[in-house]
Amino acid sequence: MSISDNRLDADPADEPAPGLDMEGEPTAACAPRAPSILGAVIVAIGAVLLWQAWKVPGDLAPQGPRFLPVAIAVLWILLGIAYLAGAVVALIGRRPQTAGERLDHLPRVLALIVVLIAYAYAIDPLGYLISTAVLFAACAALLGSRNHIRDVIIAVGLTVAIYFLFSRGLNIYLPPGPLPL
């Protein structure tokens, strides 16, 4: 047994090829084209966003109504191109795939999507303070935090700070819900 990597010293011919399990079957990490396809989809969505943003009436001046949507769409496209380029380089180099590409985190991502959808439905009846504090604490737990008391304290503090920043500082009133604020 080698001390440095805790593996038995074996013949390299006994080891399976990268991307194959012990029986020679492909593993979940053998989908090298998926990130490239995702990158192309991101760029295509960015093109649609830019097309829609360009149709906004008004001028392109920084104070105009078209500036921010066009800027966000252009940034989306640039980030999509950077992601696509990295995926193509990885495809050409055939480097090992990351955990995200193997869809190991899919249940956690789906749970976060469910929490966000529930938040969208809860914000009007429960109000911003209650629903957002629950959202922050739930997302922290889903992302792996095990200190729930700290998460609740931070969620409540951050939610209250954001609420007063918007309502008192910016005069943007968020849904109060049952709390008398």
Protein backbone atom coordinates (compact mmCIF):
# COMPACT_ATOMS: atom_id res chain seq x y z
CA MET A 1 0.00 0.00 0.00
CA SER A 2 1.39 3.39 -0.95
CA ILE A 3 1.42 5.87 1.92
CA SER A 4 1.06 8.96 -0.25
CA ASP A 5 -2.22 8.11 -1.94
CA ASN A 6 -3.61 5.15 0.08
CA ARG A 7 -3.85 2.87 -2.95
CA LEU A 8 -2.61 -0.63 -3.41
CA ASP A 9 0.39 -0.83 -5.68
CA ALA A 10 -1.13 -2.61 -8.63
CA ASP A 11 -0.40 -3.11 -12.27
CA PRO A 12 -1.63 -0.08 -14.29
CA ALA A 13 -3.21 -2.49 -16.75
CA ASP A 14 -5.60 -3.64 -13.98
CA GLU A 15 -7.14 -0.17 -13.64
CA PRO A 16 -10.16 0.77 -15.76
CA ALA A 17 -9.85 3.47 -18.38
CA PRO A 18 -10.91 6.98 -17.35
CA GLY A 19 -14.68 7.37 -17.62
CA LEU A 20 -15.30 3.64 -17.17
CA ASP A 21 -16.27 1.73 -14.04
CA MET A 22 -14.66 -1.54 -12.92
CA GLU A 23 -16.73 -3.58 -15.39
CA GLY A 24 -15.81 -1.32 -18.31
CA GLU A 25 -19.22 0.37 -18.44
CA PRO A 26 -19.37 4.14 -19.06
CA THR A 27 -19.90 6.22 -15.93
CA ALA A 28 -22.09 9.33 -15.60
CA ALA A 29 -19.02 11.49 -16.24
CA CYS A 30 -18.85 10.37 -19.90
CA ALA A 31 -21.05 13.12 -21.34
CA PRO A 32 -18.40 15.55 -22.60
CA ARG A 33 -20.71 17.36 -25.05
CA ALA A 34 -23.31 18.44 -22.47
CA PRO A 35 -21.45 21.60 -21.33
CA SER A 36 -20.93 22.64 -24.94
CA ILE A 37 -24.62 22.21 -25.67
CA LEU A 38 -25.51 24.18 -22.54
CA GLY A 39 -23.11 26.95 -23.57
CA ALA A 40 -24.74 27.15 -27.00
CA VAL A 41 -28.19 27.32 -25.37
CA ILE A 42 -27.01 30.11 -23.05
CA VAL A 43 -25.69 32.12 -26.02
CA ALA A 44 -28.93 31.54 -27.94
CA ILE A 45 -31.02 32.72 -24.97
CA GLY A 46 -28.78 35.78 -24.77
CA ALA A 47 -29.42 36.51 -28.44
CA VAL A 48 -33.19 36.33 -27.85
CA LEU A 49 -32.82 38.61 -24.81
CA LEU A 50 -30.82 41.11 -26.85
CA TRP A 51 -33.38 41.02 -29.65
CA GLN A 52 -36.22 41.65 -27.16
CA ALA A 53 -34.25 44.36 -25.36
CA TRP A 54 -33.56 46.14 -28.63
CA LYS A 55 -37.32 46.33 -29.27
CA VAL A 56 -37.87 48.42 -26.12
CA PRO A 57 -38.95 51.89 -27.24
CA GLY A 58 -36.67 54.76 -26.36
CA ASP A 59 -33.05 55.66 -26.78
CA LEU A 60 -29.90 53.83 -25.71
CA ALA A 61 -28.64 56.60 -23.42
CA PRO A 62 -27.69 55.49 -19.89
CA GLN A 63 -30.86 57.11 -18.53
CA GLY A 64 -33.01 55.64 -21.30
CA PRO A 65 -35.32 52.66 -20.91
CA ARG A 66 -33.38 50.49 -23.35
CA PHE A 67 -29.89 50.81 -21.83
CA LEU A 68 -30.09 48.36 -18.91
CA PRO A 69 -31.88 45.52 -20.77
CA VAL A 70 -29.39 45.77 -23.66
CA ALA A 71 -26.42 45.90 -21.27
CA ILE A 72 -27.65 42.84 -19.36
CA ALA A 73 -28.28 40.92 -22.59
CA VAL A 74 -24.81 41.76 -23.92
CA LEU A 75 -23.25 40.69 -20.61
CA TRP A 76 -25.28 37.46 -20.73
CA ILE A 77 -23.98 36.75 -24.24
CA LEU A 78 -20.36 37.48 -23.26
CA LEU A 79 -20.58 35.19 -20.22
CA GLY A 80 -22.24 32.52 -22.37
CA ILE A 81 -19.45 32.76 -24.93
CA ALA A 82 -16.84 32.46 -22.16
CA TYR A 83 -18.61 29.38 -20.78
CA LEU A 84 -18.94 27.88 -24.24
CA ALA A 85 -15.25 28.50 -24.96
CA GLY A 86 -14.27 26.77 -21.71
CA ALA A 87 -16.53 23.83 -22.55
CA VAL A 88 -15.03 23.52 -26.02
CA VAL A 89 -11.50 23.65 -24.61
CA ALA A 90 -12.48 20.95 -22.09
CA LEU A 91 -14.00 18.88 -24.88
CA ILE A 92 -10.86 19.18 -26.98
CA GLY A 93 -8.58 18.47 -24.02
CA ARG A 94 -10.85 15.72 -22.65
CA ARG A 95 -10.03 16.70 -19.09
CA PRO A 96 -12.02 15.05 -16.29
CA GLN A 97 -15.44 16.51 -15.73
CA THR A 98 -16.49 18.35 -12.61
CA ALA A 99 -19.18 17.21 -10.21
CA GLY A 100 -21.64 19.72 -11.66
CA GLU A 101 -21.33 18.14 -15.07
CA ARG A 102 -22.10 14.72 -13.60
CA LEU A 103 -25.41 16.10 -12.23
CA ASP A 104 -24.46 15.13 -8.65
CA HIS A 105 -26.12 18.29 -7.38
CA LEU A 106 -29.37 17.95 -9.33
CA PRO A 107 -31.58 17.08 -6.30
CA ARG A 108 -30.25 20.11 -4.41
CA VAL A 109 -30.83 22.38 -7.41
CA LEU A 110 -34.36 21.08 -7.85
CA ALA A 111 -35.06 21.63 -4.14
CA LEU A 112 -33.81 25.24 -4.45
CA ILE A 113 -36.11 25.78 -7.43
CA VAL A 114 -39.08 24.45 -5.42
CA VAL A 115 -38.17 26.79 -2.53
CA LEU A 116 -37.99 29.77 -4.90
CA ILE A 117 -41.37 28.93 -6.42
CA ALA A 118 -42.89 28.60 -2.94
CA TYR A 119 -41.33 31.97 -2.04
CA ALA A 120 -42.95 33.60 -5.07
CA TYR A 121 -46.36 32.36 -3.92
CA ALA A 122 -45.77 33.16 -0.22
CA ILE A 123 -44.49 36.72 -0.49
CA ASP A 124 -47.92 38.36 -0.88
CA PRO A 125 -49.87 36.60 1.89
CA LEU A 126 -46.95 36.30 4.35
CA GLY A 127 -45.17 39.52 3.46
CA TYR A 128 -41.58 40.21 2.60
CA LEU A 129 -40.11 39.85 6.07
CA ILE A 130 -41.47 36.42 6.94
CA SER A 131 -41.18 34.82 3.51
CA THR A 132 -37.68 36.14 2.81
CA ALA A 133 -36.31 35.13 6.21
CA VAL A 134 -37.67 31.62 5.68
CA LEU A 135 -36.22 31.62 2.14
CA PHE A 136 -32.73 32.59 3.35
CA ALA A 137 -32.71 30.01 6.14
CA ALA A 138 -34.10 27.25 3.89
CA CYS A 139 -31.55 27.98 1.16
CA ALA A 140 -28.71 27.91 3.68
CA ALA A 141 -29.89 24.51 4.94
CA LEU A 142 -30.25 23.17 1.39
CA LEU A 143 -26.77 24.37 0.51
CA GLY A 144 -25.28 22.40 3.39
CA SER A 145 -25.21 24.64 6.45
CA ARG A 146 -25.70 22.73 9.69
CA ASN A 147 -25.79 25.67 12.11
CA HIS A 148 -29.50 26.44 11.88
CA ILE A 149 -29.63 28.92 14.76
CA ARG A 150 -26.93 31.07 13.14
CA ASP A 151 -28.72 30.78 9.77
CA VAL A 152 -32.01 32.01 11.24
CA ILE A 153 -30.31 34.92 13.02
CA ILE A 154 -28.50 35.97 9.83
CA ALA A 155 -31.65 35.47 7.72
CA VAL A 156 -33.78 37.64 10.00
CA GLY A 157 -31.11 40.33 10.35
CA LEU A 158 -30.42 40.49 6.63
CA THR A 159 -34.12 40.50 5.77
CA VAL A 160 -34.87 43.34 8.20
CA ALA A 161 -31.88 45.35 6.95
CA ILE A 162 -32.96 44.95 3.32
CA TYR A 163 -36.57 45.78 4.20
CA PHE A 164 -35.66 49.05 5.91
CA LEU A 165 -33.13 49.93 3.20
CA PHE A 166 -35.84 49.63 0.57
CA SER A 167 -38.75 51.11 2.54
CA ARG A 168 -36.97 53.96 4.34
CA GLY A 169 -33.94 54.60 2.17
CA LEU A 170 -35.35 54.09 -1.32
CA ASN A 171 -39.09 54.61 -0.68
CA ILE A 172 -39.86 51.24 -2.26
CA TYR A 173 -42.41 49.47 -0.13
CA LEU A 174 -42.27 45.68 -0.01
CA PRO A 175 -45.32 43.59 0.93
CA PRO A 176 -45.81 43.91 4.71
CA GLY A 177 -47.99 40.82 5.18
CA PRO A 178 -49.52 40.33 8.65
CA LEU A 179 -46.77 42.29 10.42
CA PRO A 180 -47.71 45.90 11.25
CA LEU A 181 -44.77 47.85 9.79
